[in-house]
Amino acid sequence: IDMAPEAFKQDYAALIDHRFHSEEEAFIVK
């Protein structure tokens, strides 16, 4: 996430960091 372009850091954090995912979203992906 730190490597991501500065303008898009939060956007990629929302995809990569599991702490941003709801329980249902995490379950479906798992």
PDB file of all heavy atoms in Angstrom:
ATOM      1  N   ILE A   1       0.837  -1.207   0.000  1.00  0.00           N
ATOM      2  CA  ILE A   1       0.000   0.000   0.000  1.00  0.00           C
ATOM      3  C   ILE A   1       0.866   1.248   0.000  1.00  0.00           C
ATOM      4  O   ILE A   1       0.572   2.228  -0.690  1.00  0.00           O
ATOM      5  CB  ILE A   1      -0.977  -0.017   1.197  1.00  0.00           C
ATOM      6  CG1 ILE A   1      -2.000  -1.138   1.015  1.00  0.00           C
ATOM      7  CG2 ILE A   1      -1.679   1.335   1.353  1.00  0.00           C
ATOM      8  CD1 ILE A   1      -2.772  -1.488   2.276  1.00  0.00           C
ATOM      9  N   ASP A   2       1.965   1.215   0.754  1.00  0.00           N
ATOM     10  CA  ASP A   2       2.897   2.350   0.784  1.00  0.00           C
ATOM     11  C   ASP A   2       3.530   2.606  -0.584  1.00  0.00           C
ATOM     12  O   ASP A   2       3.912   3.734  -0.900  1.00  0.00           O
ATOM     13  CB  ASP A   2       3.998   2.106   1.816  1.00  0.00           C
ATOM     14  CG  ASP A   2       3.525   2.372   3.245  1.00  0.00           C
ATOM     15  OD1 ASP A   2       2.484   3.047   3.400  1.00  0.00           O
ATOM     16  OD2 ASP A   2       4.191   1.897   4.177  1.00  0.00           O
ATOM     17  N   MET A   3       3.652   1.534  -1.389  1.00  0.00           N
ATOM     18  CA  MET A   3       4.233   1.674  -2.729  1.00  0.00           C
ATOM     19  C   MET A   3       3.255   2.295  -3.724  1.00  0.00           C
ATOM     20  O   MET A   3       3.670   2.805  -4.765  1.00  0.00           O
ATOM     21  CB  MET A   3       4.632   0.297  -3.280  1.00  0.00           C
ATOM     22  CG  MET A   3       5.799  -0.358  -2.620  1.00  0.00           C
ATOM     23  SD  MET A   3       6.068  -1.954  -3.428  1.00  0.00           S
ATOM     24  CE  MET A   3       7.192  -2.711  -2.254  1.00  0.00           C
ATOM     25  N   ALA A   4       1.970   2.209  -3.442  1.00  0.00           N
ATOM     26  CA  ALA A   4       0.961   2.704  -4.381  1.00  0.00           C
ATOM     27  C   ALA A   4       1.131   4.202  -4.603  1.00  0.00           C
ATOM     28  O   ALA A   4       1.609   4.918  -3.723  1.00  0.00           O
ATOM     29  CB  ALA A   4      -0.434   2.404  -3.846  1.00  0.00           C
ATOM     30  N   PRO A   5       0.753   4.688  -5.786  1.00  0.00           N
ATOM     31  CA  PRO A   5       0.817   6.134  -6.026  1.00  0.00           C
ATOM     32  C   PRO A   5       0.058   6.893  -4.935  1.00  0.00           C
ATOM     33  O   PRO A   5      -1.010   6.444  -4.490  1.00  0.00           O
ATOM     34  CB  PRO A   5       0.121   6.285  -7.385  1.00  0.00           C
ATOM     35  CG  PRO A   5       0.301   4.952  -8.051  1.00  0.00           C
ATOM     36  CD  PRO A   5       0.252   3.945  -6.952  1.00  0.00           C
ATOM     37  N   GLU A   6       0.602   7.998  -4.511  1.00  0.00           N
ATOM     38  CA  GLU A   6       0.056   8.744  -3.377  1.00  0.00           C
ATOM     39  C   GLU A   6      -1.435   9.046  -3.548  1.00  0.00           C
ATOM     40  O   GLU A   6      -2.217   8.920  -2.605  1.00  0.00           O
ATOM     41  CB  GLU A   6       0.833  10.053  -3.197  1.00  0.00           C
ATOM     42  CG  GLU A   6       0.543  10.768  -1.894  1.00  0.00           C
ATOM     43  CD  GLU A   6       0.945   9.960  -0.666  1.00  0.00           C
ATOM     44  OE1 GLU A   6       2.001   9.303  -0.692  1.00  0.00           O
ATOM     45  OE2 GLU A   6       0.171   9.980   0.318  1.00  0.00           O
ATOM     46  N   ALA A   7      -1.834   9.416  -4.750  1.00  0.00           N
ATOM     47  CA  ALA A   7      -3.229   9.794  -4.996  1.00  0.00           C
ATOM     48  C   ALA A   7      -4.184   8.616  -4.830  1.00  0.00           C
ATOM     49  O   ALA A   7      -5.386   8.816  -4.621  1.00  0.00           O
ATOM     50  CB  ALA A   7      -3.370  10.376  -6.401  1.00  0.00           C
ATOM     51  N   PHE A   8      -3.659   7.400  -4.929  1.00  0.00           N
ATOM     52  CA  PHE A   8      -4.517   6.218  -4.907  1.00  0.00           C
ATOM     53  C   PHE A   8      -4.303   5.317  -3.696  1.00  0.00           C
ATOM     54  O   PHE A   8      -4.860   4.218  -3.623  1.00  0.00           O
ATOM     55  CB  PHE A   8      -4.303   5.386  -6.186  1.00  0.00           C
ATOM     56  CG  PHE A   8      -4.471   6.175  -7.447  1.00  0.00           C
ATOM     57  CD1 PHE A   8      -3.474   6.172  -8.416  1.00  0.00           C
ATOM     58  CD2 PHE A   8      -5.608   6.924  -7.672  1.00  0.00           C
ATOM     59  CE1 PHE A   8      -3.614   6.902  -9.585  1.00  0.00           C
ATOM     60  CE2 PHE A   8      -5.767   7.660  -8.841  1.00  0.00           C
ATOM     61  CZ  PHE A   8      -4.770   7.646  -9.806  1.00  0.00           C
ATOM     62  N   LYS A   9      -3.491   5.767  -2.751  1.00  0.00           N
ATOM     63  CA  LYS A   9      -3.163   4.916  -1.592  1.00  0.00           C
ATOM     64  C   LYS A   9      -4.403   4.406  -0.864  1.00  0.00           C
ATOM     65  O   LYS A   9      -4.520   3.222  -0.549  1.00  0.00           O
ATOM     66  CB  LYS A   9      -2.257   5.677  -0.622  1.00  0.00           C
ATOM     67  CG  LYS A   9      -0.775   5.467  -0.845  1.00  0.00           C
ATOM     68  CD  LYS A   9       0.036   6.101   0.270  1.00  0.00           C
ATOM     69  CE  LYS A   9       1.500   5.734   0.177  1.00  0.00           C
ATOM     70  NZ  LYS A   9       2.145   6.040  -1.078  1.00  0.00           N
ATOM     71  N   GLN A  10      -5.334   5.304  -0.579  1.00  0.00           N
ATOM     72  CA  GLN A  10      -6.536   4.899   0.155  1.00  0.00           C
ATOM     73  C   GLN A  10      -7.406   3.961  -0.667  1.00  0.00           C
ATOM     74  O   GLN A  10      -8.039   3.047  -0.125  1.00  0.00           O
ATOM     75  CB  GLN A  10      -7.335   6.133   0.584  1.00  0.00           C
ATOM     76  CG  GLN A  10      -6.668   6.949   1.686  1.00  0.00           C
ATOM     77  CD  GLN A  10      -6.329   6.087   2.902  1.00  0.00           C
ATOM     78  OE1 GLN A  10      -7.184   5.369   3.427  1.00  0.00           O
ATOM     79  NE2 GLN A  10      -5.088   6.160   3.348  1.00  0.00           N
ATOM     80  N   ASP A  11      -7.432   4.157  -1.972  1.00  0.00           N
ATOM     81  CA  ASP A  11      -8.216   3.277  -2.847  1.00  0.00           C
ATOM     82  C   ASP A  11      -7.665   1.853  -2.815  1.00  0.00           C
ATOM     83  O   ASP A  11      -8.432   0.885  -2.730  1.00  0.00           O
ATOM     84  CB  ASP A  11      -8.187   3.807  -4.286  1.00  0.00           C
ATOM     85  CG  ASP A  11      -8.731   5.214  -4.394  1.00  0.00           C
ATOM     86  OD1 ASP A  11      -9.961   5.373  -4.416  1.00  0.00           O
ATOM     87  OD2 ASP A  11      -7.915   6.165  -4.440  1.00  0.00           O
ATOM     88  N   TYR A  12      -6.341   1.738  -2.873  1.00  0.00           N
ATOM     89  CA  TYR A  12      -5.740   0.401  -2.851  1.00  0.00           C
ATOM     90  C   TYR A  12      -5.756  -0.202  -1.446  1.00  0.00           C
ATOM     91  O   TYR A  12      -5.877  -1.425  -1.301  1.00  0.00           O
ATOM     92  CB  TYR A  12      -4.332   0.425  -3.442  1.00  0.00           C
ATOM     93  CG  TYR A  12      -4.366   0.491  -4.943  1.00  0.00           C
ATOM     94  CD1 TYR A  12      -3.979   1.638  -5.623  1.00  0.00           C
ATOM     95  CD2 TYR A  12      -4.825  -0.585  -5.692  1.00  0.00           C
ATOM     96  CE1 TYR A  12      -4.044   1.713  -7.008  1.00  0.00           C
ATOM     97  CE2 TYR A  12      -4.895  -0.527  -7.071  1.00  0.00           C
ATOM     98  CZ  TYR A  12      -4.508   0.620  -7.727  1.00  0.00           C
ATOM     99  OH  TYR A  12      -4.592   0.687  -9.098  1.00  0.00           O
ATOM    100  N   ALA A  13      -5.672   0.639  -0.434  1.00  0.00           N
ATOM    101  CA  ALA A  13      -5.786   0.132   0.936  1.00  0.00           C
ATOM    102  C   ALA A  13      -7.141  -0.526   1.141  1.00  0.00           C
ATOM    103  O   ALA A  13      -7.250  -1.586   1.775  1.00  0.00           O
ATOM    104  CB  ALA A  13      -5.590   1.266   1.941  1.00  0.00           C
ATOM    105  N   ALA A  14      -8.195   0.064   0.566  1.00  0.00           N
ATOM    106  CA  ALA A  14      -9.549  -0.483   0.703  1.00  0.00           C
ATOM    107  C   ALA A  14      -9.681  -1.847   0.041  1.00  0.00           C
ATOM    108  O   ALA A  14     -10.540  -2.655   0.421  1.00  0.00           O
ATOM    109  CB  ALA A  14     -10.565   0.489   0.107  1.00  0.00           C
ATOM    110  N   LEU A  15      -8.814  -2.127  -0.939  1.00  0.00           N
ATOM    111  CA  LEU A  15      -8.849  -3.433  -1.614  1.00  0.00           C
ATOM    112  C   LEU A  15      -7.904  -4.445  -0.970  1.00  0.00           C
ATOM    113  O   LEU A  15      -8.234  -5.627  -0.854  1.00  0.00           O
ATOM    114  CB  LEU A  15      -8.456  -3.258  -3.085  1.00  0.00           C
ATOM    115  CG  LEU A  15      -9.396  -2.415  -3.952  1.00  0.00           C
ATOM    116  CD1 LEU A  15      -8.774  -2.199  -5.324  1.00  0.00           C
ATOM    117  CD2 LEU A  15     -10.754  -3.087  -4.077  1.00  0.00           C
ATOM    118  N   ILE A  16      -6.740  -4.000  -0.556  1.00  0.00           N
ATOM    119  CA  ILE A  16      -5.689  -4.913  -0.103  1.00  0.00           C
ATOM    120  C   ILE A  16      -5.763  -5.221   1.391  1.00  0.00           C
ATOM    121  O   ILE A  16      -5.584  -6.374   1.807  1.00  0.00           O
ATOM    122  CB  ILE A  16      -4.300  -4.324  -0.460  1.00  0.00           C
ATOM    123  CG1 ILE A  16      -4.137  -4.259  -1.982  1.00  0.00           C
ATOM    124  CG2 ILE A  16      -3.177  -5.153   0.162  1.00  0.00           C
ATOM    125  CD1 ILE A  16      -2.896  -3.487  -2.438  1.00  0.00           C
ATOM    126  N   ASP A  17      -6.024  -4.220   2.205  1.00  0.00           N
ATOM    127  CA  ASP A  17      -6.019  -4.384   3.659  1.00  0.00           C
ATOM    128  C   ASP A  17      -7.352  -4.991   4.113  1.00  0.00           C
ATOM    129  O   ASP A  17      -8.407  -4.359   3.979  1.00  0.00           O
ATOM    130  CB  ASP A  17      -5.788  -3.035   4.334  1.00  0.00           C
ATOM    131  CG  ASP A  17      -5.517  -3.155   5.829  1.00  0.00           C
ATOM    132  OD1 ASP A  17      -5.966  -4.140   6.445  1.00  0.00           O
ATOM    133  OD2 ASP A  17      -4.861  -2.249   6.381  1.00  0.00           O
ATOM    134  N   HIS A  18      -7.290  -6.208   4.645  1.00  0.00           N
ATOM    135  CA  HIS A  18      -8.523  -6.934   5.020  1.00  0.00           C
ATOM    136  C   HIS A  18      -9.324  -6.212   6.094  1.00  0.00           C
ATOM    137  O   HIS A  18     -10.520  -6.464   6.254  1.00  0.00           O
ATOM    138  CB  HIS A  18      -8.171  -8.342   5.501  1.00  0.00           C
ATOM    139  CG  HIS A  18      -7.373  -8.368   6.777  1.00  0.00           C
ATOM    140  ND1 HIS A  18      -6.012  -8.211   6.800  1.00  0.00           N
ATOM    141  CD2 HIS A  18      -7.772  -8.499   8.063  1.00  0.00           C
ATOM    142  CE1 HIS A  18      -5.588  -8.261   8.045  1.00  0.00           C
ATOM    143  NE2 HIS A  18      -6.624  -8.432   8.839  1.00  0.00           N
ATOM    144  N   ARG A  19      -8.688  -5.290   6.820  1.00  0.00           N
ATOM    145  CA  ARG A  19      -9.396  -4.573   7.886  1.00  0.00           C
ATOM    146  C   ARG A  19     -10.448  -3.621   7.329  1.00  0.00           C
ATOM    147  O   ARG A  19     -11.327  -3.163   8.061  1.00  0.00           O
ATOM    148  CB  ARG A  19      -8.397  -3.816   8.760  1.00  0.00           C
ATOM    149  CG  ARG A  19      -7.476  -4.750   9.574  1.00  0.00           C
ATOM    150  CD  ARG A  19      -6.402  -3.996  10.313  1.00  0.00           C
ATOM    151  NE  ARG A  19      -5.476  -3.332   9.393  1.00  0.00           N
ATOM    152  CZ  ARG A  19      -4.364  -2.722   9.772  1.00  0.00           C
ATOM    153  NH1 ARG A  19      -4.039  -2.684  11.048  1.00  0.00           N
ATOM    154  NH2 ARG A  19      -3.576  -2.136   8.881  1.00  0.00           N
ATOM    155  N   PHE A  20     -10.376  -3.345   6.030  1.00  0.00           N
ATOM    156  CA  PHE A  20     -11.368  -2.478   5.389  1.00  0.00           C
ATOM    157  C   PHE A  20     -12.566  -3.275   4.857  1.00  0.00           C
ATOM    158  O   PHE A  20     -13.515  -2.672   4.349  1.00  0.00           O
ATOM    159  CB  PHE A  20     -10.735  -1.699   4.231  1.00  0.00           C
ATOM    160  CG  PHE A  20      -9.832  -0.589   4.672  1.00  0.00           C
ATOM    161  CD1 PHE A  20      -8.481  -0.794   4.861  1.00  0.00           C
ATOM    162  CD2 PHE A  20     -10.339   0.685   4.907  1.00  0.00           C
ATOM    163  CE1 PHE A  20      -7.638   0.230   5.258  1.00  0.00           C
ATOM    164  CE2 PHE A  20      -9.507   1.719   5.312  1.00  0.00           C
ATOM    165  CZ  PHE A  20      -8.155   1.493   5.492  1.00  0.00           C
ATOM    166  N   HIS A  21     -12.516  -4.593   4.949  1.00  0.00           N
ATOM    167  CA  HIS A  21     -13.574  -5.412   4.348  1.00  0.00           C
ATOM    168  C   HIS A  21     -14.602  -5.818   5.402  1.00  0.00           C
ATOM    169  O   HIS A  21     -14.242  -6.127   6.536  1.00  0.00           O
ATOM    170  CB  HIS A  21     -12.970  -6.673   3.712  1.00  0.00           C
ATOM    171  CG  HIS A  21     -11.853  -6.370   2.770  1.00  0.00           C
ATOM    172  ND1 HIS A  21     -10.832  -7.267   2.514  1.00  0.00           N
ATOM    173  CD2 HIS A  21     -11.575  -5.263   2.026  1.00  0.00           C
ATOM    174  CE1 HIS A  21      -9.985  -6.724   1.656  1.00  0.00           C
ATOM    175  NE2 HIS A  21     -10.410  -5.519   1.356  1.00  0.00           N
ATOM    176  N   SER A  22     -15.855  -5.835   4.992  1.00  0.00           N
ATOM    177  CA  SER A  22     -16.902  -6.292   5.911  1.00  0.00           C
ATOM    178  C   SER A  22     -16.767  -7.796   6.119  1.00  0.00           C
ATOM    179  O   SER A  22     -16.103  -8.492   5.338  1.00  0.00           O
ATOM    180  CB  SER A  22     -18.291  -5.976   5.344  1.00  0.00           C
ATOM    181  OG  SER A  22     -18.580  -6.827   4.245  1.00  0.00           O
ATOM    182  N   GLU A  23     -17.419  -8.298   7.144  1.00  0.00           N
ATOM    183  CA  GLU A  23     -17.375  -9.739   7.429  1.00  0.00           C
ATOM    184  C   GLU A  23     -17.932 -10.546   6.262  1.00  0.00           C
ATOM    185  O   GLU A  23     -17.394 -11.590   5.899  1.00  0.00           O
ATOM    186  CB  GLU A  23     -18.173 -10.023   8.710  1.00  0.00           C
ATOM    187  CG  GLU A  23     -18.001 -11.437   9.245  1.00  0.00           C
ATOM    188  CD  GLU A  23     -18.675 -11.645  10.592  1.00  0.00           C
ATOM    189  OE1 GLU A  23     -18.735 -10.671  11.382  1.00  0.00           O
ATOM    190  OE2 GLU A  23     -19.143 -12.762  10.848  1.00  0.00           O
ATOM    191  N   GLU A  24     -19.021 -10.048   5.663  1.00  0.00           N
ATOM    192  CA  GLU A  24     -19.632 -10.754   4.529  1.00  0.00           C
ATOM    193  C   GLU A  24     -18.717 -10.747   3.314  1.00  0.00           C
ATOM    194  O   GLU A  24     -18.574 -11.772   2.632  1.00  0.00           O
ATOM    195  CB  GLU A  24     -20.964 -10.091   4.147  1.00  0.00           C
ATOM    196  CG  GLU A  24     -22.175 -10.750   4.769  1.00  0.00           C
ATOM    197  CD  GLU A  24     -23.453 -10.282   4.104  1.00  0.00           C
ATOM    198  OE1 GLU A  24     -23.605  -9.064   3.905  1.00  0.00           O
ATOM    199  OE2 GLU A  24     -24.299 -11.132   3.789  1.00  0.00           O
ATOM    200  N   GLU A  25     -18.103  -9.608   3.026  1.00  0.00           N
ATOM    201  CA  GLU A  25     -17.186  -9.530   1.887  1.00  0.00           C
ATOM    202  C   GLU A  25     -16.007 -10.473   2.078  1.00  0.00           C
ATOM    203  O   GLU A  25     -15.632 -11.212   1.154  1.00  0.00           O
ATOM    204  CB  GLU A  25     -16.675  -8.093   1.731  1.00  0.00           C
ATOM    205  CG  GLU A  25     -17.719  -7.117   1.233  1.00  0.00           C
ATOM    206  CD  GLU A  25     -17.300  -5.666   1.382  1.00  0.00           C
ATOM    207  OE1 GLU A  25     -16.305  -5.387   2.105  1.00  0.00           O
ATOM    208  OE2 GLU A  25     -17.959  -4.790   0.783  1.00  0.00           O
ATOM    209  N   ALA A  26     -15.445 -10.473   3.284  1.00  0.00           N
ATOM    210  CA  ALA A  26     -14.302 -11.340   3.574  1.00  0.00           C
ATOM    211  C   ALA A  26     -14.684 -12.808   3.427  1.00  0.00           C
ATOM    212  O   ALA A  26     -13.900 -13.608   2.898  1.00  0.00           O
ATOM    213  CB  ALA A  26     -13.787 -11.065   4.984  1.00  0.00           C
ATOM    214  N   PHE A  27     -15.896 -13.155   3.881  1.00  0.00           N
ATOM    215  CA  PHE A  27     -16.317 -14.555   3.768  1.00  0.00           C
ATOM    216  C   PHE A  27     -16.460 -14.983   2.318  1.00  0.00           C
ATOM    217  O   PHE A  27     -16.011 -16.065   1.930  1.00  0.00           O
ATOM    218  CB  PHE A  27     -17.632 -14.799   4.506  1.00  0.00           C
ATOM    219  CG  PHE A  27     -18.193 -16.173   4.226  1.00  0.00           C
ATOM    220  CD1 PHE A  27     -17.621 -17.294   4.814  1.00  0.00           C
ATOM    221  CD2 PHE A  27     -19.228 -16.350   3.323  1.00  0.00           C
ATOM    222  CE1 PHE A  27     -18.085 -18.576   4.514  1.00  0.00           C
ATOM    223  CE2 PHE A  27     -19.700 -17.621   3.024  1.00  0.00           C
ATOM    224  CZ  PHE A  27     -19.136 -18.747   3.625  1.00  0.00           C
ATOM    225  N   ILE A  28     -17.100 -14.144   1.502  1.00  0.00           N
ATOM    226  CA  ILE A  28     -17.316 -14.492   0.101  1.00  0.00           C
ATOM    227  C   ILE A  28     -15.984 -14.711  -0.610  1.00  0.00           C
ATOM    228  O   ILE A  28     -15.802 -15.681  -1.362  1.00  0.00           O
ATOM    229  CB  ILE A  28     -18.139 -13.405  -0.619  1.00  0.00           C
ATOM    230  CG1 ILE A  28     -19.577 -13.383  -0.089  1.00  0.00           C
ATOM    231  CG2 ILE A  28     -18.133 -13.628  -2.132  1.00  0.00           C
ATOM    232  CD1 ILE A  28     -20.421 -14.574  -0.459  1.00  0.00           C
ATOM    233  N   VAL A  29     -15.012 -13.826  -0.363  1.00  0.00           N
ATOM    234  CA  VAL A  29     -13.706 -13.956  -1.005  1.00  0.00           C
ATOM    235  C   VAL A  29     -12.984 -15.210  -0.505  1.00  0.00           C
ATOM    236  O   VAL A  29     -12.394 -15.954  -1.295  1.00  0.00           O
ATOM    237  CB  VAL A  29     -12.846 -12.698  -0.773  1.00  0.00           C
ATOM    238  CG1 VAL A  29     -11.419 -12.906  -1.287  1.00  0.00           C
ATOM    239  CG2 VAL A  29     -13.482 -11.495  -1.461  1.00  0.00           C
ATOM    240  N   LYS A  30     -13.049 -15.459   0.803  1.00  0.00           N
ATOM    241  CA  LYS A  30     -12.408 -16.660   1.353  1.00  0.00           C
ATOM    242  C   LYS A  30     -13.041 -17.924   0.796  1.00  0.00           C
ATOM    243  O   LYS A  30     -12.347 -18.882   0.428  1.00  0.00           O
ATOM    244  CB  LYS A  30     -12.507 -16.649   2.887  1.00  0.00           C
ATOM    245  CG  LYS A  30     -11.871 -17.860   3.564  1.00  0.00           C
ATOM    246  CD  LYS A  30     -10.388 -17.963   3.240  1.00  0.00           C
ATOM    247  CE  LYS A  30      -9.743 -19.163   3.898  1.00  0.00           C
ATOM    248  NZ  LYS A  30      -8.328 -19.343   3.471  1.00  0.00           N
TER     249      LYS A  30
END
